[in-house]
């Protein structure tokens, strides 16, 4: 679905996403959270590409909350790179909304977390972040942070 969204096929992706939401799942909170961590970012991307920035931000924030709950309640300690990736996506949504100050503030906080300072994490679950990240995860997050800093720099003052 994400590939369809990135390819401009928003209607098809939204239809596919809606269809997946109708699949019955066992009544297990951990499974529902795992699905949320996977599905909500796709929903956020559909909303972003459709110009519905508040809905995009809300989906990403819900995915971050699901990550925090999975880490806290179920010991899913591998989610830190995903959490930073989602947070940087929120920087992009904030930048796209034209909120230069908000985007810069969030980018600064996430950069500090990527450097190992969990106290700067602006979302739930700071205590469960696995820091420092592996070199590979840090490289991927750093590249995404760099791209978003570039977008922010191009935003008119």
N, C-alpha and C. Protein backbone atom coordinates (compact mmCIF):
# COMPACT_ATOMS: atom_id res chain seq x y z
N UNK A 1 0.80 -1.20 0.00
CA UNK A 1 0.00 0.00 0.00
C UNK A 1 0.85 1.26 0.00
N UNK A 2 1.91 1.27 0.78
CA UNK A 2 2.75 2.46 0.82
C UNK A 2 3.32 2.76 -0.57
N UNK A 3 3.68 1.70 -1.30
CA UNK A 3 4.20 1.90 -2.66
C UNK A 3 3.13 2.51 -3.56
N UNK A 4 1.89 2.10 -3.38
CA UNK A 4 0.79 2.67 -4.17
C UNK A 4 0.62 4.15 -3.85
N UNK A 5 0.71 4.48 -2.57
CA UNK A 5 0.58 5.89 -2.16
C UNK A 5 1.71 6.70 -2.77
N UNK A 6 2.93 6.22 -2.63
CA UNK A 6 4.09 6.94 -3.16
C UNK A 6 4.04 7.05 -4.68
N UNK A 7 3.36 6.10 -5.32
CA UNK A 7 3.19 6.13 -6.77
C UNK A 7 2.02 6.99 -7.21
N UNK A 8 1.35 7.62 -6.26
CA UNK A 8 0.24 8.51 -6.59
C UNK A 8 -1.11 7.84 -6.69
N UNK A 9 -1.18 6.57 -6.37
CA UNK A 9 -2.43 5.84 -6.45
C UNK A 9 -3.17 5.91 -5.11
N UNK A 10 -3.57 7.12 -4.72
CA UNK A 10 -4.16 7.34 -3.41
C UNK A 10 -5.49 6.64 -3.24
N UNK A 11 -6.34 6.72 -4.24
CA UNK A 11 -7.67 6.11 -4.12
C UNK A 11 -7.56 4.59 -3.95
N UNK A 12 -6.71 3.96 -4.74
CA UNK A 12 -6.53 2.51 -4.64
C UNK A 12 -5.95 2.15 -3.27
N UNK A 13 -4.97 2.90 -2.81
CA UNK A 13 -4.36 2.63 -1.51
C UNK A 13 -5.38 2.81 -0.39
N UNK A 14 -6.19 3.86 -0.47
CA UNK A 14 -7.21 4.10 0.57
C UNK A 14 -8.24 2.97 0.57
N UNK A 15 -8.62 2.50 -0.61
CA UNK A 15 -9.56 1.39 -0.70
C UNK A 15 -8.97 0.12 -0.10
N UNK A 16 -7.73 -0.18 -0.45
CA UNK A 16 -7.05 -1.34 0.11
C UNK A 16 -6.93 -1.23 1.62
N UNK A 17 -6.56 -0.05 2.10
CA UNK A 17 -6.40 0.16 3.54
C UNK A 17 -7.73 -0.05 4.26
N UNK A 18 -8.80 0.50 3.72
CA UNK A 18 -10.12 0.33 4.32
C UNK A 18 -10.51 -1.14 4.36
N UNK A 19 -10.18 -1.88 3.31
CA UNK A 19 -10.47 -3.31 3.29
C UNK A 19 -9.73 -4.07 4.36
N UNK A 20 -8.49 -3.71 4.57
CA UNK A 20 -7.70 -4.38 5.61
C UNK A 20 -8.25 -4.09 7.01
N UNK A 21 -8.82 -2.92 7.20
CA UNK A 21 -9.36 -2.58 8.51
C UNK A 21 -10.56 -3.44 8.87
N UNK A 22 -11.19 -4.05 7.86
CA UNK A 22 -12.34 -4.90 8.10
C UNK A 22 -12.00 -6.33 8.48
N UNK A 23 -10.73 -6.68 8.47
CA UNK A 23 -10.32 -8.04 8.82
C UNK A 23 -10.43 -8.23 10.32
N UNK A 24 -11.16 -9.26 10.71
CA UNK A 24 -11.35 -9.55 12.14
C UNK A 24 -10.05 -10.08 12.73
N UNK A 25 -9.71 -9.57 13.89
CA UNK A 25 -8.52 -10.02 14.61
C UNK A 25 -8.94 -10.65 15.93
N UNK A 26 -8.12 -11.56 16.44
CA UNK A 26 -8.40 -12.07 17.78
C UNK A 26 -8.40 -10.90 18.78
N UNK A 27 -9.14 -11.04 19.82
CA UNK A 27 -9.26 -9.98 20.81
C UNK A 27 -8.04 -10.01 21.75
N UNK A 28 -6.89 -9.68 21.20
CA UNK A 28 -5.64 -9.65 21.96
C UNK A 28 -4.99 -8.29 21.76
N UNK A 29 -4.82 -7.57 22.83
CA UNK A 29 -4.30 -6.20 22.75
C UNK A 29 -2.92 -6.14 22.11
N UNK A 30 -2.05 -7.07 22.43
CA UNK A 30 -0.71 -7.04 21.85
C UNK A 30 -0.77 -7.14 20.32
N UNK A 31 -1.59 -8.03 19.80
CA UNK A 31 -1.74 -8.17 18.36
C UNK A 31 -2.31 -6.89 17.76
N UNK A 32 -3.30 -6.31 18.39
CA UNK A 32 -3.89 -5.06 17.89
C UNK A 32 -2.85 -3.94 17.84
N UNK A 33 -1.98 -3.88 18.83
CA UNK A 33 -0.94 -2.86 18.84
C UNK A 33 0.08 -3.09 17.73
N UNK A 34 0.45 -4.34 17.49
CA UNK A 34 1.39 -4.65 16.41
C UNK A 34 0.79 -4.23 15.07
N UNK A 35 -0.49 -4.52 14.88
CA UNK A 35 -1.16 -4.11 13.65
C UNK A 35 -1.18 -2.59 13.56
N UNK A 36 -1.45 -1.91 14.65
CA UNK A 36 -1.50 -0.44 14.65
C UNK A 36 -0.15 0.15 14.28
N UNK A 37 0.93 -0.41 14.79
CA UNK A 37 2.27 0.09 14.49
C UNK A 37 2.57 -0.04 13.00
N UNK A 38 1.98 -1.03 12.37
CA UNK A 38 2.18 -1.24 10.94
C UNK A 38 1.20 -0.45 10.09
N UNK A 39 -0.07 -0.45 10.49
CA UNK A 39 -1.13 0.14 9.66
C UNK A 39 -1.24 1.66 9.80
N UNK A 40 -1.08 2.18 10.98
CA UNK A 40 -1.29 3.62 11.17
C UNK A 40 -0.32 4.48 10.37
N UNK A 41 0.96 4.12 10.24
CA UNK A 41 1.84 4.92 9.39
C UNK A 41 1.38 4.94 7.93
N UNK A 42 0.82 3.84 7.45
CA UNK A 42 0.29 3.82 6.08
C UNK A 42 -0.89 4.77 5.98
N UNK A 43 -1.76 4.73 6.98
CA UNK A 43 -2.88 5.67 7.01
C UNK A 43 -2.36 7.10 7.04
N UNK A 44 -1.34 7.34 7.85
CA UNK A 44 -0.75 8.68 7.92
C UNK A 44 -0.19 9.14 6.59
N UNK A 45 0.42 8.21 5.84
CA UNK A 45 0.97 8.55 4.53
C UNK A 45 -0.16 8.87 3.54
N UNK A 46 -1.23 8.08 3.58
CA UNK A 46 -2.38 8.36 2.71
C UNK A 46 -2.93 9.75 3.02
N UNK A 47 -3.09 10.05 4.30
CA UNK A 47 -3.61 11.37 4.70
C UNK A 47 -2.65 12.48 4.28
N UNK A 48 -1.37 12.27 4.47
CA UNK A 48 -0.36 13.27 4.10
C UNK A 48 -0.43 13.57 2.61
N UNK A 49 -0.41 12.52 1.79
CA UNK A 49 -0.43 12.70 0.35
C UNK A 49 -1.76 13.27 -0.15
N UNK A 50 -2.80 13.12 0.67
CA UNK A 50 -4.11 13.68 0.32
C UNK A 50 -4.28 15.11 0.83
N UNK A 51 -3.26 15.61 1.53
CA UNK A 51 -3.30 16.98 2.03
C UNK A 51 -4.03 17.14 3.35
N UNK A 52 -4.36 16.07 3.99
CA UNK A 52 -5.05 16.12 5.29
C UNK A 52 -4.01 15.98 6.40
N UNK A 53 -3.26 17.05 6.60
CA UNK A 53 -2.12 17.02 7.51
C UNK A 53 -2.49 16.74 8.96
N UNK A 54 -3.57 17.33 9.50
CA UNK A 54 -3.92 16.98 10.89
C UNK A 54 -4.23 15.49 11.07
N UNK A 55 -4.90 14.90 10.08
CA UNK A 55 -5.21 13.46 10.16
C UNK A 55 -3.93 12.63 10.03
N UNK A 56 -3.01 13.08 9.21
CA UNK A 56 -1.73 12.41 9.07
C UNK A 56 -0.97 12.44 10.40
N UNK A 57 -0.91 13.61 11.01
CA UNK A 57 -0.21 13.73 12.30
C UNK A 57 -0.87 12.85 13.36
N UNK A 58 -2.18 12.83 13.38
CA UNK A 58 -2.90 12.03 14.37
C UNK A 58 -2.58 10.54 14.20
N UNK A 59 -2.54 10.05 12.97
CA UNK A 59 -2.22 8.64 12.73
C UNK A 59 -0.80 8.31 13.19
N UNK A 60 0.14 9.20 12.91
CA UNK A 60 1.52 8.97 13.34
C UNK A 60 1.65 9.01 14.86
N UNK A 61 0.94 9.93 15.49
CA UNK A 61 0.97 10.00 16.96
C UNK A 61 0.36 8.75 17.59
N UNK A 62 -0.70 8.23 16.98
CA UNK A 62 -1.31 6.99 17.48
C UNK A 62 -0.35 5.82 17.29
N UNK A 63 0.38 5.79 16.19
CA UNK A 63 1.37 4.74 15.98
C UNK A 63 2.48 4.83 17.03
N UNK A 64 2.90 6.05 17.34
CA UNK A 64 3.91 6.23 18.39
C UNK A 64 3.40 5.75 19.74
N UNK A 65 2.14 6.03 20.04
CA UNK A 65 1.55 5.57 21.31
C UNK A 65 1.50 4.04 21.34
N UNK A 66 1.17 3.42 20.20
CA UNK A 66 1.13 1.96 20.15
C UNK A 66 2.54 1.39 20.37
N UNK A 67 3.55 2.02 19.78
CA UNK A 67 4.94 1.58 20.00
C UNK A 67 5.29 1.63 21.49
N UNK A 68 4.94 2.74 22.12
CA UNK A 68 5.26 2.91 23.54
C UNK A 68 4.57 1.84 24.38
N UNK A 69 3.31 1.55 24.07
CA UNK A 69 2.59 0.53 24.84
C UNK A 69 3.18 -0.86 24.60
N UNK A 70 3.54 -1.16 23.35
CA UNK A 70 4.17 -2.45 23.07
C UNK A 70 5.47 -2.61 23.85
N UNK A 71 6.26 -1.56 23.90
CA UNK A 71 7.54 -1.62 24.62
C UNK A 71 7.30 -1.76 26.12
N UNK A 72 6.38 -0.98 26.65
CA UNK A 72 6.13 -0.96 28.10
C UNK A 72 5.43 -2.22 28.59
N UNK A 73 4.33 -2.56 27.94
CA UNK A 73 3.49 -3.65 28.45
C UNK A 73 3.94 -5.03 28.00
N UNK A 74 4.60 -5.10 26.84
CA UNK A 74 4.91 -6.41 26.27
C UNK A 74 6.39 -6.63 25.99
N UNK A 75 7.23 -5.66 26.34
CA UNK A 75 8.67 -5.84 26.22
C UNK A 75 9.22 -5.82 24.81
N UNK A 76 8.52 -5.18 23.89
CA UNK A 76 9.01 -5.09 22.51
C UNK A 76 10.12 -4.04 22.46
N UNK A 77 11.33 -4.46 22.71
CA UNK A 77 12.45 -3.54 22.82
C UNK A 77 13.11 -3.14 21.52
N UNK A 78 12.61 -3.61 20.41
CA UNK A 78 13.23 -3.37 19.10
C UNK A 78 12.65 -2.16 18.38
N UNK A 79 11.72 -1.44 18.99
CA UNK A 79 10.94 -0.42 18.29
C UNK A 79 11.58 0.97 18.22
N UNK A 80 12.67 1.19 18.90
CA UNK A 80 13.25 2.54 18.94
C UNK A 80 13.51 3.14 17.57
N UNK A 81 14.16 2.44 16.63
CA UNK A 81 14.34 3.06 15.31
C UNK A 81 13.01 3.39 14.63
N UNK A 82 12.02 2.53 14.80
CA UNK A 82 10.70 2.79 14.23
C UNK A 82 10.09 4.04 14.86
N UNK A 83 10.23 4.18 16.17
CA UNK A 83 9.69 5.35 16.85
C UNK A 83 10.35 6.64 16.36
N UNK A 84 11.66 6.62 16.20
CA UNK A 84 12.33 7.81 15.69
C UNK A 84 11.93 8.09 14.25
N UNK A 85 11.79 7.06 13.45
CA UNK A 85 11.34 7.22 12.07
C UNK A 85 9.95 7.89 12.04
N UNK A 86 9.03 7.41 12.86
CA UNK A 86 7.69 7.99 12.92
C UNK A 86 7.75 9.44 13.38
N UNK A 87 8.59 9.72 14.37
CA UNK A 87 8.71 11.09 14.89
C UNK A 87 9.27 12.02 13.82
N UNK A 88 10.23 11.55 13.04
CA UNK A 88 10.77 12.38 11.96
C UNK A 88 9.71 12.59 10.89
N UNK A 89 8.87 11.60 10.66
CA UNK A 89 7.75 11.80 9.74
C UNK A 89 6.83 12.91 10.26
N UNK A 90 6.67 13.00 11.56
CA UNK A 90 5.88 14.11 12.13
C UNK A 90 6.56 15.45 11.89
N UNK A 91 7.88 15.47 11.88
CA UNK A 91 8.59 16.71 11.51
C UNK A 91 8.20 17.09 10.08
N UNK A 92 8.15 16.12 9.21
CA UNK A 92 7.79 16.42 7.81
C UNK A 92 6.37 16.95 7.71
N UNK A 93 5.45 16.36 8.43
CA UNK A 93 4.06 16.84 8.41
C UNK A 93 4.01 18.27 8.95
N UNK A 94 4.74 18.53 10.01
CA UNK A 94 4.77 19.87 10.61
C UNK A 94 5.39 20.88 9.66
N UNK A 95 6.46 20.48 8.98
CA UNK A 95 7.09 21.34 7.98
C UNK A 95 6.12 21.64 6.84
N UNK A 96 5.46 20.61 6.36
CA UNK A 96 4.50 20.76 5.25
C UNK A 96 3.35 21.69 5.65
N UNK A 97 3.00 21.67 6.93
CA UNK A 97 1.94 22.55 7.43
C UNK A 97 2.41 23.99 7.54
N UNK A 98 3.71 24.23 7.33
CA UNK A 98 4.25 25.58 7.38
C UNK A 98 4.64 26.06 8.76
N UNK A 99 4.70 25.14 9.72
CA UNK A 99 5.05 25.50 11.09
C UNK A 99 6.55 25.33 11.28
N UNK A 100 7.31 26.32 10.80
CA UNK A 100 8.77 26.26 10.84
C UNK A 100 9.28 26.08 12.27
N UNK A 101 8.75 26.86 13.20
CA UNK A 101 9.21 26.81 14.58
C UNK A 101 8.92 25.45 15.22
N UNK A 102 7.71 24.95 15.03
CA UNK A 102 7.34 23.65 15.59
C UNK A 102 8.18 22.53 15.00
N UNK A 103 8.39 22.58 13.69
CA UNK A 103 9.19 21.55 13.04
C UNK A 103 10.64 21.59 13.52
N UNK A 104 11.19 22.79 13.65
CA UNK A 104 12.58 22.93 14.11
C UNK A 104 12.73 22.42 15.54
N UNK A 105 11.77 22.74 16.38
CA UNK A 105 11.81 22.29 17.78
C UNK A 105 11.76 20.76 17.85
N UNK A 106 10.84 20.17 17.10
CA UNK A 106 10.71 18.73 17.10
C UNK A 106 11.95 18.07 16.51
N UNK A 107 12.47 18.62 15.44
CA UNK A 107 13.68 18.08 14.82
C UNK A 107 14.85 18.10 15.80
N UNK A 108 14.99 19.19 16.53
CA UNK A 108 16.05 19.32 17.53
C UNK A 108 15.92 18.24 18.62
N UNK A 109 14.70 18.04 19.09
CA UNK A 109 14.48 17.04 20.14
C UNK A 109 14.78 15.63 19.65
N UNK A 110 14.31 15.31 18.46
CA UNK A 110 14.53 13.97 17.92
C UNK A 110 16.01 13.74 17.63
N UNK A 111 16.70 14.76 17.15
CA UNK A 111 18.15 14.65 16.93
C UNK A 111 18.87 14.34 18.23
N UNK A 112 18.46 14.99 19.30
CA UNK A 112 19.07 14.74 20.62
C UNK A 112 18.82 13.31 21.07
N UNK A 113 17.62 12.82 20.84
CA UNK A 113 17.31 11.43 21.21
C UNK A 113 18.16 10.47 20.37
N UNK A 114 18.26 10.74 19.08
CA UNK A 114 19.08 9.89 18.21
C UNK A 114 20.53 9.87 18.69
N UNK A 115 20.96 10.97 19.32
CA UNK A 115 22.31 11.03 19.88
C UNK A 115 22.41 10.39 21.26
N UNK A 116 21.27 9.90 21.78
CA UNK A 116 21.29 9.16 23.04
C UNK A 116 20.61 9.81 24.22
N UNK A 117 20.03 11.00 24.05
CA UNK A 117 19.40 11.71 25.17
C UNK A 117 17.90 11.44 25.22
N UNK A 118 17.52 10.38 25.92
CA UNK A 118 16.11 9.99 26.00
C UNK A 118 15.25 11.04 26.70
N UNK A 119 15.86 11.93 27.47
CA UNK A 119 15.07 12.95 28.18
C UNK A 119 14.43 13.95 27.23
N UNK A 120 14.89 14.00 26.00
CA UNK A 120 14.33 14.93 25.02
C UNK A 120 13.17 14.34 24.22
N UNK A 121 12.86 13.05 24.43
CA UNK A 121 11.79 12.38 23.69
C UNK A 121 10.45 13.03 24.06
N UNK A 122 9.74 13.57 23.08
CA UNK A 122 8.51 14.32 23.37
C UNK A 122 7.25 13.46 23.43
N UNK A 123 7.39 12.15 23.38
CA UNK A 123 6.23 11.26 23.36
C UNK A 123 6.32 10.28 24.53
N UNK A 124 5.29 9.47 24.69
CA UNK A 124 5.28 8.47 25.76
C UNK A 124 6.38 7.44 25.52
N UNK A 125 6.84 6.86 26.61
CA UNK A 125 7.75 5.73 26.51
C UNK A 125 9.23 6.05 26.46
N UNK A 126 9.64 7.23 26.88
CA UNK A 126 11.06 7.58 26.82
C UNK A 126 11.94 6.59 27.57
N UNK A 127 11.45 6.10 28.68
CA UNK A 127 12.23 5.18 29.49
C UNK A 127 12.47 3.84 28.84
N UNK A 128 11.69 3.48 27.85
CA UNK A 128 11.82 2.19 27.18
C UNK A 128 12.55 2.28 25.84
N UNK A 129 13.01 3.47 25.47
CA UNK A 129 13.79 3.59 24.24
C UNK A 129 15.10 2.85 24.40
N UNK A 130 15.48 2.09 23.40
CA UNK A 130 16.75 1.34 23.43
C UNK A 130 17.85 2.22 22.85
N UNK A 131 18.55 2.88 23.74
CA UNK A 131 19.61 3.79 23.34
C UNK A 131 20.90 3.37 24.02
N UNK A 132 22.03 3.51 23.36
CA UNK A 132 22.19 3.99 22.00
C UNK A 132 21.70 2.95 21.00
N UNK A 133 21.32 3.42 19.83
CA UNK A 133 20.88 2.53 18.76
C UNK A 133 22.09 1.89 18.09
N UNK A 134 21.83 0.84 17.36
CA UNK A 134 22.91 0.21 16.59
C UNK A 134 23.43 1.22 15.56
N UNK A 135 24.62 0.98 15.08
CA UNK A 135 25.21 1.86 14.08
C UNK A 135 24.32 1.95 12.83
N UNK A 136 23.78 0.81 12.42
CA UNK A 136 22.94 0.78 11.23
C UNK A 136 21.65 1.60 11.43
N UNK A 137 21.02 1.44 12.57
CA UNK A 137 19.79 2.19 12.86
C UNK A 137 20.10 3.68 12.97
N UNK A 138 21.19 3.99 13.63
CA UNK A 138 21.59 5.40 13.78
C UNK A 138 21.85 6.04 12.42
N UNK A 139 22.49 5.30 11.52
CA UNK A 139 22.77 5.81 10.18
C UNK A 139 21.47 6.10 9.43
N UNK A 140 20.52 5.17 9.51
CA UNK A 140 19.24 5.36 8.82
C UNK A 140 18.47 6.55 9.39
N UNK A 141 18.42 6.66 10.70
CA UNK A 141 17.71 7.77 11.34
C UNK A 141 18.41 9.09 11.02
N UNK A 142 19.73 9.09 11.04
CA UNK A 142 20.49 10.31 10.73
C UNK A 142 20.21 10.78 9.31
N UNK A 143 20.12 9.86 8.37
CA UNK A 143 19.83 10.23 6.98
C UNK A 143 18.45 10.86 6.88
N UNK A 144 17.48 10.29 7.58
CA UNK A 144 16.13 10.85 7.55
C UNK A 144 16.12 12.23 8.23
N UNK A 145 16.80 12.37 9.34
CA UNK A 145 16.89 13.68 10.01
C UNK A 145 17.52 14.72 9.09
N UNK A 146 18.56 14.33 8.37
CA UNK A 146 19.24 15.24 7.46
C UNK A 146 18.31 15.70 6.34
N UNK A 147 17.54 14.76 5.77
CA UNK A 147 16.58 15.12 4.72
C UNK A 147 15.54 16.11 5.23
N UNK A 148 15.04 15.87 6.44
CA UNK A 148 14.01 16.76 6.98
C UNK A 148 14.60 18.12 7.35
N UNK A 149 15.84 18.16 7.80
CA UNK A 149 16.49 19.45 8.06
C UNK A 149 16.62 20.23 6.77
N UNK A 150 16.91 19.57 5.66
CA UNK A 150 16.99 20.23 4.37
C UNK A 150 15.64 20.79 3.92
N UNK A 151 14.58 20.02 4.12
CA UNK A 151 13.24 20.50 3.78
C UNK A 151 12.88 21.73 4.62
N UNK A 152 13.20 21.64 5.88
CA UNK A 152 12.91 22.74 6.80
C UNK A 152 13.69 23.99 6.39
N UNK A 153 14.93 23.82 5.99
CA UNK A 153 15.75 24.97 5.57
C UNK A 153 15.19 25.65 4.34
N UNK A 154 14.51 24.89 3.49
CA UNK A 154 13.92 25.46 2.27
C UNK A 154 12.57 26.14 2.51
N UNK A 155 12.01 25.96 3.71
CA UNK A 155 10.73 26.58 4.03
C UNK A 155 10.92 28.10 4.17
N UNK A 156 10.10 28.89 3.49
CA UNK A 156 10.25 30.33 3.61
C UNK A 156 10.16 30.80 5.07
N UNK A 157 11.00 31.75 5.39
CA UNK A 157 11.04 32.27 6.77
C UNK A 157 9.81 33.10 7.10
